[in-house]
């Protein structure tokens, strides 16, 4: 039963991944505000281009991109370079095939990623904990500036 379940999971993952025309990476990146970002789109193989003649790799997001933002690596790969990421840039970035990257009409979707833009968390300050007979502990702290991304704080303590 376990080997059948493993096979089904691996088959499903492979099937889902192979149903895309290519891959956009890195996976769902976190980018610091003000930093640059690179996303690379790689088509599965050259036969994808034969299916969509005259189309080339383009990128679609909230921001419009020009040819100077895109570096063609080879027939099946291109890289998007976005300068000075801001909070307004967060969201979906898609790799598409289109006749004209400046006018994305009738584009064919290849793959997408969700990009988070924010700040690294500050070191928490003003940590205060109250313990009730070691059964229950309540702690509060000042987390610092907003990060604009999901941030998890974990508190570890030991008895000395």
N, C-alpha and C. Protein backbone atom coordinates (compact mmCIF):
# COMPACT_ATOMS: atom_id res chain seq x y z
N UNK A 1 0.83 -1.20 0.00
CA UNK A 1 0.00 0.00 0.00
C UNK A 1 0.87 1.26 0.00
N UNK A 2 1.95 1.25 0.83
CA UNK A 2 2.82 2.41 0.92
C UNK A 2 3.51 2.68 -0.41
N UNK A 3 4.01 1.61 -1.07
CA UNK A 3 4.70 1.81 -2.35
C UNK A 3 3.74 2.31 -3.42
N UNK A 4 2.48 1.85 -3.38
CA UNK A 4 1.49 2.33 -4.33
C UNK A 4 1.19 3.80 -4.10
N UNK A 5 1.07 4.21 -2.85
CA UNK A 5 0.82 5.60 -2.51
C UNK A 5 1.99 6.47 -2.96
N UNK A 6 3.24 6.03 -2.72
CA UNK A 6 4.43 6.77 -3.17
C UNK A 6 4.41 6.93 -4.68
N UNK A 7 4.11 5.86 -5.40
CA UNK A 7 4.08 5.92 -6.85
C UNK A 7 3.03 6.92 -7.32
N UNK A 8 1.84 6.88 -6.69
CA UNK A 8 0.77 7.79 -7.09
C UNK A 8 1.17 9.24 -6.82
N UNK A 9 1.82 9.51 -5.68
CA UNK A 9 2.26 10.86 -5.39
C UNK A 9 3.31 11.33 -6.37
N UNK A 10 4.30 10.48 -6.65
CA UNK A 10 5.36 10.85 -7.60
C UNK A 10 4.78 11.03 -9.00
N UNK A 11 3.86 10.16 -9.40
CA UNK A 11 3.24 10.28 -10.71
C UNK A 11 2.47 11.59 -10.82
N UNK A 12 1.70 11.92 -9.78
CA UNK A 12 0.92 13.16 -9.80
C UNK A 12 1.82 14.38 -9.86
N UNK A 13 2.90 14.41 -9.09
CA UNK A 13 3.83 15.54 -9.11
C UNK A 13 4.46 15.66 -10.49
N UNK A 14 4.92 14.55 -11.07
CA UNK A 14 5.53 14.59 -12.39
C UNK A 14 4.51 15.05 -13.43
N UNK A 15 3.27 14.55 -13.33
CA UNK A 15 2.24 14.92 -14.30
C UNK A 15 1.95 16.41 -14.23
N UNK A 16 1.83 16.95 -13.01
CA UNK A 16 1.54 18.38 -12.85
C UNK A 16 2.68 19.21 -13.42
N UNK A 17 3.94 18.85 -13.09
CA UNK A 17 5.08 19.62 -13.58
C UNK A 17 5.21 19.52 -15.09
N UNK A 18 4.94 18.35 -15.67
CA UNK A 18 5.14 18.19 -17.10
C UNK A 18 4.00 18.84 -17.90
N UNK A 19 2.90 19.21 -17.25
CA UNK A 19 1.81 19.85 -17.98
C UNK A 19 2.13 21.31 -18.29
N UNK A 20 3.14 21.88 -17.65
CA UNK A 20 3.58 23.24 -17.97
C UNK A 20 4.43 23.21 -19.23
N UNK A 21 4.47 24.32 -19.95
CA UNK A 21 5.32 24.41 -21.15
C UNK A 21 6.76 24.70 -20.79
N UNK A 22 6.98 25.10 -19.54
CA UNK A 22 8.33 25.41 -19.08
C UNK A 22 8.31 25.71 -17.59
N UNK A 23 9.37 26.37 -17.13
CA UNK A 23 9.52 26.61 -15.71
C UNK A 23 10.05 28.02 -15.48
N UNK A 24 9.47 28.74 -14.53
CA UNK A 24 9.94 30.05 -14.11
C UNK A 24 10.56 29.89 -12.73
N UNK A 25 11.77 30.33 -12.57
CA UNK A 25 12.43 30.17 -11.27
C UNK A 25 13.20 31.44 -10.90
N UNK A 26 13.46 31.64 -9.61
CA UNK A 26 13.27 30.71 -8.49
C UNK A 26 11.81 30.62 -8.07
N UNK A 27 11.51 29.60 -7.27
CA UNK A 27 10.15 29.38 -6.79
C UNK A 27 9.77 30.44 -5.76
N UNK A 28 8.65 31.11 -6.01
CA UNK A 28 8.05 32.07 -5.08
C UNK A 28 9.09 32.82 -4.23
N UNK A 29 9.91 33.66 -4.86
CA UNK A 29 11.00 34.31 -4.12
C UNK A 29 10.53 35.43 -3.19
N UNK A 30 11.35 35.68 -2.16
CA UNK A 30 11.20 36.83 -1.27
C UNK A 30 12.30 37.82 -1.65
N UNK A 31 11.93 39.04 -2.03
CA UNK A 31 12.90 40.05 -2.46
C UNK A 31 12.83 41.23 -1.51
N UNK A 32 14.01 41.70 -1.09
CA UNK A 32 14.07 42.86 -0.20
C UNK A 32 13.76 44.14 -0.98
N UNK A 33 12.99 45.03 -0.36
CA UNK A 33 12.66 46.31 -0.98
C UNK A 33 13.95 47.02 -1.41
N UNK A 34 13.98 47.52 -2.65
CA UNK A 34 15.13 48.24 -3.16
C UNK A 34 16.17 47.36 -3.84
N UNK A 35 16.05 46.04 -3.70
CA UNK A 35 17.01 45.12 -4.34
C UNK A 35 16.51 44.75 -5.74
N UNK A 36 17.42 44.23 -6.55
CA UNK A 36 17.07 43.77 -7.89
C UNK A 36 16.63 42.30 -7.83
N UNK A 37 15.89 41.88 -8.85
CA UNK A 37 15.42 40.50 -8.92
C UNK A 37 15.68 39.94 -10.31
N UNK A 38 16.07 38.68 -10.37
CA UNK A 38 16.20 37.96 -11.63
C UNK A 38 15.25 36.77 -11.62
N UNK A 39 14.46 36.63 -12.65
CA UNK A 39 13.62 35.45 -12.86
C UNK A 39 14.01 34.83 -14.19
N UNK A 40 14.17 33.52 -14.21
CA UNK A 40 14.57 32.83 -15.43
C UNK A 40 13.47 31.89 -15.89
N UNK A 41 13.10 32.01 -17.16
CA UNK A 41 12.11 31.14 -17.77
C UNK A 41 12.82 30.19 -18.73
N UNK A 42 12.59 28.89 -18.51
CA UNK A 42 13.19 27.87 -19.37
C UNK A 42 12.07 27.00 -19.91
N UNK A 43 11.95 26.95 -21.23
CA UNK A 43 10.94 26.09 -21.86
C UNK A 43 11.37 24.64 -21.73
N UNK A 44 10.40 23.73 -21.74
CA UNK A 44 10.71 22.31 -21.58
C UNK A 44 11.65 21.79 -22.66
N UNK A 45 11.44 22.24 -23.91
CA UNK A 45 12.31 21.83 -25.02
C UNK A 45 11.99 22.69 -26.24
N UNK A 46 12.74 22.49 -27.30
CA UNK A 46 12.54 23.30 -28.51
C UNK A 46 11.22 23.01 -29.21
N UNK A 47 10.63 21.85 -28.94
CA UNK A 47 9.35 21.54 -29.61
C UNK A 47 8.24 22.48 -29.16
N UNK A 48 8.38 23.11 -27.99
CA UNK A 48 7.40 24.10 -27.54
C UNK A 48 7.37 25.26 -28.53
N UNK A 49 8.54 25.69 -29.00
CA UNK A 49 8.61 26.78 -29.97
C UNK A 49 8.01 26.38 -31.31
N UNK A 50 8.11 25.10 -31.66
CA UNK A 50 7.51 24.63 -32.91
C UNK A 50 5.98 24.65 -32.82
N UNK A 51 5.46 24.42 -31.60
CA UNK A 51 4.00 24.47 -31.39
C UNK A 51 3.48 25.90 -31.52
N UNK A 52 4.33 26.86 -31.16
CA UNK A 52 3.92 28.28 -31.17
C UNK A 52 4.90 29.07 -32.03
N UNK A 53 4.83 28.91 -33.36
CA UNK A 53 5.79 29.59 -34.24
C UNK A 53 5.70 31.11 -34.13
N UNK A 54 6.83 31.74 -34.30
CA UNK A 54 6.97 33.20 -34.28
C UNK A 54 6.79 33.82 -32.89
N UNK A 55 6.52 33.01 -31.86
CA UNK A 55 6.38 33.56 -30.52
C UNK A 55 7.72 33.48 -29.80
N UNK A 56 7.92 34.41 -28.87
CA UNK A 56 9.15 34.42 -28.10
C UNK A 56 8.81 34.52 -26.61
N UNK A 57 9.81 34.25 -25.78
CA UNK A 57 9.61 34.28 -24.33
C UNK A 57 9.47 35.73 -23.87
N UNK A 58 8.39 36.01 -23.13
CA UNK A 58 8.13 37.33 -22.57
C UNK A 58 7.73 37.16 -21.10
N UNK A 59 7.62 38.27 -20.41
CA UNK A 59 7.24 38.25 -19.00
C UNK A 59 6.07 39.19 -18.77
N UNK A 60 5.15 38.76 -17.92
CA UNK A 60 3.93 39.53 -17.66
C UNK A 60 3.79 39.72 -16.14
N UNK A 61 3.59 40.95 -15.71
CA UNK A 61 3.37 41.28 -14.30
C UNK A 61 2.69 42.64 -14.25
N UNK A 62 2.56 43.22 -13.05
CA UNK A 62 1.95 44.54 -12.92
C UNK A 62 2.74 45.60 -13.68
N UNK A 63 4.06 45.48 -13.66
CA UNK A 63 4.96 46.43 -14.31
C UNK A 63 5.17 46.03 -15.76
N UNK A 64 5.28 46.97 -16.67
CA UNK A 64 5.61 46.67 -18.06
C UNK A 64 7.12 46.55 -18.21
N UNK A 65 7.54 45.60 -19.02
CA UNK A 65 8.97 45.36 -19.23
C UNK A 65 9.35 45.64 -20.66
N UNK A 66 10.54 46.20 -20.84
CA UNK A 66 11.03 46.47 -22.19
C UNK A 66 12.07 45.40 -22.55
N UNK A 67 12.54 45.45 -23.79
CA UNK A 67 13.55 44.49 -24.24
C UNK A 67 14.82 44.58 -23.41
N UNK A 68 15.14 45.77 -22.86
CA UNK A 68 16.37 45.90 -22.07
C UNK A 68 16.28 45.18 -20.72
N UNK A 69 15.05 44.86 -20.28
CA UNK A 69 14.86 44.13 -19.03
C UNK A 69 15.00 42.62 -19.21
N UNK A 70 14.97 42.16 -20.47
CA UNK A 70 14.97 40.73 -20.77
C UNK A 70 16.25 40.35 -21.50
N UNK A 71 16.93 39.33 -20.97
CA UNK A 71 18.14 38.79 -21.61
C UNK A 71 17.80 37.43 -22.19
N UNK A 72 17.96 37.28 -23.49
CA UNK A 72 17.74 35.98 -24.13
C UNK A 72 18.99 35.14 -23.89
N UNK A 73 18.82 34.02 -23.24
CA UNK A 73 19.95 33.13 -22.93
C UNK A 73 20.21 32.21 -24.11
N UNK A 74 19.16 31.60 -24.64
CA UNK A 74 19.21 30.78 -25.86
C UNK A 74 17.79 30.65 -26.39
N UNK A 75 17.54 29.74 -27.33
CA UNK A 75 16.20 29.62 -27.94
C UNK A 75 15.11 29.32 -26.91
N UNK A 76 15.48 28.58 -25.87
CA UNK A 76 14.46 28.11 -24.93
C UNK A 76 14.57 28.73 -23.54
N UNK A 77 15.36 29.78 -23.38
CA UNK A 77 15.52 30.37 -22.05
C UNK A 77 15.73 31.88 -22.14
N UNK A 78 15.14 32.58 -21.17
CA UNK A 78 15.31 34.03 -21.08
C UNK A 78 15.26 34.43 -19.61
N UNK A 79 15.93 35.54 -19.28
CA UNK A 79 15.97 36.02 -17.90
C UNK A 79 15.42 37.44 -17.84
N UNK A 80 14.56 37.66 -16.86
CA UNK A 80 14.01 38.98 -16.58
C UNK A 80 14.81 39.59 -15.44
N UNK A 81 15.30 40.82 -15.64
CA UNK A 81 16.03 41.55 -14.60
C UNK A 81 15.19 42.76 -14.22
N UNK A 82 14.72 42.78 -12.97
CA UNK A 82 13.90 43.89 -12.48
C UNK A 82 14.73 44.67 -11.47
N UNK A 83 14.91 45.97 -11.72
CA UNK A 83 15.73 46.83 -10.88
C UNK A 83 14.85 47.48 -9.81
N UNK A 84 15.40 47.57 -8.59
CA UNK A 84 14.79 48.34 -7.51
C UNK A 84 13.35 47.91 -7.22
N UNK A 85 13.19 46.70 -6.74
CA UNK A 85 11.86 46.17 -6.43
C UNK A 85 11.20 47.00 -5.33
N UNK A 86 9.90 47.25 -5.49
CA UNK A 86 9.14 48.01 -4.50
C UNK A 86 7.93 47.20 -4.05
N UNK A 87 7.26 47.67 -3.02
CA UNK A 87 6.07 46.97 -2.53
C UNK A 87 5.02 46.80 -3.61
N UNK A 88 4.93 47.76 -4.52
CA UNK A 88 3.92 47.66 -5.58
C UNK A 88 4.25 46.56 -6.60
N UNK A 89 5.47 46.02 -6.57
CA UNK A 89 5.85 44.96 -7.50
C UNK A 89 5.44 43.56 -7.02
N UNK A 90 5.02 43.44 -5.76
CA UNK A 90 4.70 42.10 -5.26
C UNK A 90 3.51 41.52 -6.01
N UNK A 91 3.47 40.21 -6.10
CA UNK A 91 2.36 39.55 -6.78
C UNK A 91 2.83 38.57 -7.83
N UNK A 92 1.96 38.31 -8.80
CA UNK A 92 2.23 37.29 -9.82
C UNK A 92 3.16 37.81 -10.91
N UNK A 93 4.16 37.01 -11.23
CA UNK A 93 5.03 37.21 -12.38
C UNK A 93 4.88 35.97 -13.24
N UNK A 94 4.63 36.17 -14.54
CA UNK A 94 4.38 35.05 -15.44
C UNK A 94 5.33 35.06 -16.62
N UNK A 95 5.72 33.87 -17.01
CA UNK A 95 6.47 33.67 -18.25
C UNK A 95 5.42 33.29 -19.30
N UNK A 96 5.45 34.00 -20.43
CA UNK A 96 4.48 33.76 -21.50
C UNK A 96 5.19 33.73 -22.85
N UNK A 97 4.54 33.15 -23.82
CA UNK A 97 5.02 33.20 -25.20
C UNK A 97 4.12 34.19 -25.94
N UNK A 98 4.74 35.13 -26.66
CA UNK A 98 3.98 36.15 -27.36
C UNK A 98 4.72 36.59 -28.62
N UNK A 99 3.98 37.14 -29.57
CA UNK A 99 4.59 37.67 -30.78
C UNK A 99 5.37 38.94 -30.48
N UNK A 100 4.88 39.73 -29.50
CA UNK A 100 5.48 41.02 -29.18
C UNK A 100 5.43 41.21 -27.67
N UNK A 101 6.59 41.32 -27.04
CA UNK A 101 6.65 41.44 -25.58
C UNK A 101 6.09 42.78 -25.08
N UNK A 102 6.05 43.79 -25.92
CA UNK A 102 5.52 45.08 -25.48
C UNK A 102 4.00 45.15 -25.62
N UNK A 103 3.41 44.17 -26.29
CA UNK A 103 1.96 44.14 -26.49
C UNK A 103 1.50 42.69 -26.33
N UNK A 104 1.20 42.31 -25.11
CA UNK A 104 0.91 40.91 -24.81
C UNK A 104 -0.54 40.54 -25.16
N UNK A 105 -0.79 40.40 -26.46
CA UNK A 105 -2.09 39.94 -26.93
C UNK A 105 -1.95 38.49 -27.38
N UNK A 106 -2.93 37.68 -27.07
CA UNK A 106 -2.93 36.27 -27.45
C UNK A 106 -1.67 35.54 -26.97
N UNK A 107 -1.23 35.90 -25.77
CA UNK A 107 -0.06 35.22 -25.25
C UNK A 107 -0.42 33.82 -24.76
N UNK A 108 0.58 32.96 -24.71
CA UNK A 108 0.42 31.59 -24.22
C UNK A 108 1.15 31.49 -22.89
N UNK A 109 0.43 31.12 -21.84
CA UNK A 109 1.01 31.04 -20.49
C UNK A 109 1.95 29.85 -20.39
N UNK A 110 3.14 30.07 -19.82
CA UNK A 110 4.13 29.01 -19.64
C UNK A 110 4.19 28.58 -18.18
N UNK A 111 4.46 29.53 -17.29
CA UNK A 111 4.59 29.22 -15.85
C UNK A 111 4.63 30.53 -15.08
N UNK A 112 4.29 30.49 -13.81
CA UNK A 112 4.29 31.70 -13.00
C UNK A 112 4.80 31.48 -11.60
N UNK A 113 5.13 32.57 -10.94
CA UNK A 113 5.56 32.55 -9.54
C UNK A 113 4.94 33.73 -8.83
N UNK A 114 4.74 33.59 -7.52
CA UNK A 114 4.28 34.68 -6.68
C UNK A 114 5.51 35.27 -6.00
N UNK A 115 5.75 36.55 -6.22
CA UNK A 115 6.92 37.24 -5.67
C UNK A 115 6.47 38.07 -4.47
N UNK A 116 7.14 37.86 -3.34
CA UNK A 116 6.90 38.65 -2.13
C UNK A 116 8.00 39.70 -2.02
N UNK A 117 7.63 40.92 -1.69
CA UNK A 117 8.59 42.01 -1.54
C UNK A 117 8.42 42.58 -0.14
N UNK A 118 9.52 42.73 0.57
CA UNK A 118 9.43 43.26 1.93
C UNK A 118 10.80 43.55 2.51
N UNK A 119 10.82 43.59 3.82
CA UNK A 119 12.06 43.90 4.55
C UNK A 119 12.39 42.75 5.50
N UNK A 120 13.68 42.51 5.76
CA UNK A 120 14.02 41.50 6.76
C UNK A 120 13.55 41.98 8.14
N UNK A 121 13.16 41.07 9.01
CA UNK A 121 12.69 41.50 10.32
C UNK A 121 13.82 42.09 11.17
N UNK A 122 13.45 43.07 12.00
CA UNK A 122 14.39 43.61 12.98
C UNK A 122 14.55 42.61 14.11
N UNK A 123 15.60 42.78 14.90
CA UNK A 123 15.76 41.98 16.11
C UNK A 123 14.72 42.49 17.11
N UNK A 124 13.85 41.59 17.62
CA UNK A 124 12.84 42.05 18.58
C UNK A 124 13.49 42.72 19.80
N UNK A 125 12.80 43.72 20.33
CA UNK A 125 13.31 44.41 21.53
C UNK A 125 12.22 44.43 22.59
N UNK A 126 12.59 44.86 23.79
CA UNK A 126 11.66 44.97 24.91
C UNK A 126 10.93 43.65 25.18
N UNK A 127 11.68 42.55 25.20
CA UNK A 127 11.10 41.24 25.48
C UNK A 127 10.76 41.13 26.96
N UNK A 128 9.52 40.81 27.25
CA UNK A 128 9.05 40.64 28.62
C UNK A 128 8.25 39.35 28.69
N UNK A 129 8.57 38.50 29.68
CA UNK A 129 7.84 37.25 29.86
C UNK A 129 7.39 37.13 31.31
N UNK A 130 6.21 36.59 31.47
CA UNK A 130 5.67 36.31 32.79
C UNK A 130 5.34 34.82 32.82
N UNK A 131 5.88 34.12 33.84
CA UNK A 131 5.65 32.68 33.96
C UNK A 131 4.74 32.42 35.16
N UNK A 132 3.80 31.50 34.96
CA UNK A 132 2.88 31.11 36.01
C UNK A 132 3.18 29.65 36.37
N UNK A 133 4.07 29.46 37.36
CA UNK A 133 4.45 28.11 37.85
C UNK A 133 4.96 27.20 36.74
N UNK A 134 5.60 27.74 35.75
CA UNK A 134 6.18 27.00 34.63
C UNK A 134 5.15 26.23 33.81
N UNK A 135 3.87 26.42 34.10
CA UNK A 135 2.82 25.77 33.31
C UNK A 135 2.42 26.63 32.12
N UNK A 136 2.50 27.92 32.30
CA UNK A 136 2.04 28.83 31.27
C UNK A 136 2.97 30.04 31.26
N UNK A 137 3.39 30.45 30.11
CA UNK A 137 4.25 31.63 29.99
C UNK A 137 3.67 32.55 28.93
N UNK A 138 3.57 33.83 29.25
CA UNK A 138 3.09 34.84 28.33
C UNK A 138 4.22 35.83 28.07
N UNK A 139 4.54 36.04 26.79
CA UNK A 139 5.63 36.94 26.42
C UNK A 139 5.11 38.00 25.45
N UNK A 140 5.68 39.18 25.55
CA UNK A 140 5.40 40.25 24.60
C UNK A 140 6.72 40.87 24.18
N UNK A 141 6.74 41.49 23.00
CA UNK A 141 7.94 42.15 22.50
C UNK A 141 7.56 43.14 21.42
N UNK A 142 8.50 44.00 21.12
CA UNK A 142 8.34 44.95 20.03
C UNK A 142 9.05 44.36 18.81
N UNK A 143 8.31 44.00 17.74
CA UNK A 143 8.95 43.35 16.60
C UNK A 143 9.74 44.31 15.70
N UNK A 144 9.61 45.61 15.90
CA UNK A 144 10.32 46.57 15.04
C UNK A 144 9.46 46.99 13.86
N UNK A 145 10.12 47.43 12.79
CA UNK A 145 9.41 47.95 11.61
C UNK A 145 8.59 46.85 10.93
N UNK A 146 7.54 47.23 10.23
CA UNK A 146 6.76 46.23 9.48
C UNK A 146 7.63 45.61 8.37
N UNK A 147 7.50 44.31 8.18
CA UNK A 147 8.29 43.62 7.16
C UNK A 147 7.56 43.54 5.82
N UNK A 148 6.24 43.64 5.84
CA UNK A 148 5.39 43.53 4.65
C UNK A 148 5.37 42.12 4.06
N UNK A 149 5.96 41.16 4.76
CA UNK A 149 5.89 39.75 4.36
C UNK A 149 5.53 38.94 5.61
N UNK A 150 5.05 37.73 5.40
CA UNK A 150 4.70 36.88 6.53
C UNK A 150 5.96 36.62 7.36
N UNK A 151 5.90 36.94 8.63
CA UNK A 151 7.05 36.76 9.53
C UNK A 151 6.59 35.96 10.74
N UNK A 152 7.33 34.91 11.07
CA UNK A 152 7.03 34.08 12.23
C UNK A 152 8.13 34.29 13.27
N UNK A 153 7.71 34.56 14.49
CA UNK A 153 8.66 34.69 15.60
C UNK A 153 8.53 33.45 16.47
N UNK A 154 9.67 32.87 16.85
CA UNK A 154 9.66 31.69 17.72
C UNK A 154 10.51 32.01 18.94
N UNK A 155 9.98 31.69 20.10
CA UNK A 155 10.66 31.93 21.36
C UNK A 155 11.10 30.60 21.94
N UNK A 156 12.37 30.48 22.29
CA UNK A 156 12.90 29.28 22.92
C UNK A 156 13.43 29.66 24.29
N UNK A 157 13.19 28.82 25.26
CA UNK A 157 13.69 29.10 26.60
C UNK A 157 14.17 27.81 27.25
N UNK A 158 15.08 27.97 28.18
CA UNK A 158 15.61 26.82 28.95
C UNK A 158 15.65 27.20 30.41
N UNK A 159 15.65 26.19 31.24
CA UNK A 159 15.79 26.40 32.70
C UNK A 159 17.23 26.15 33.05
N UNK A 160 17.86 27.11 33.74
CA UNK A 160 19.27 26.95 34.13
C UNK A 160 19.42 26.80 35.61
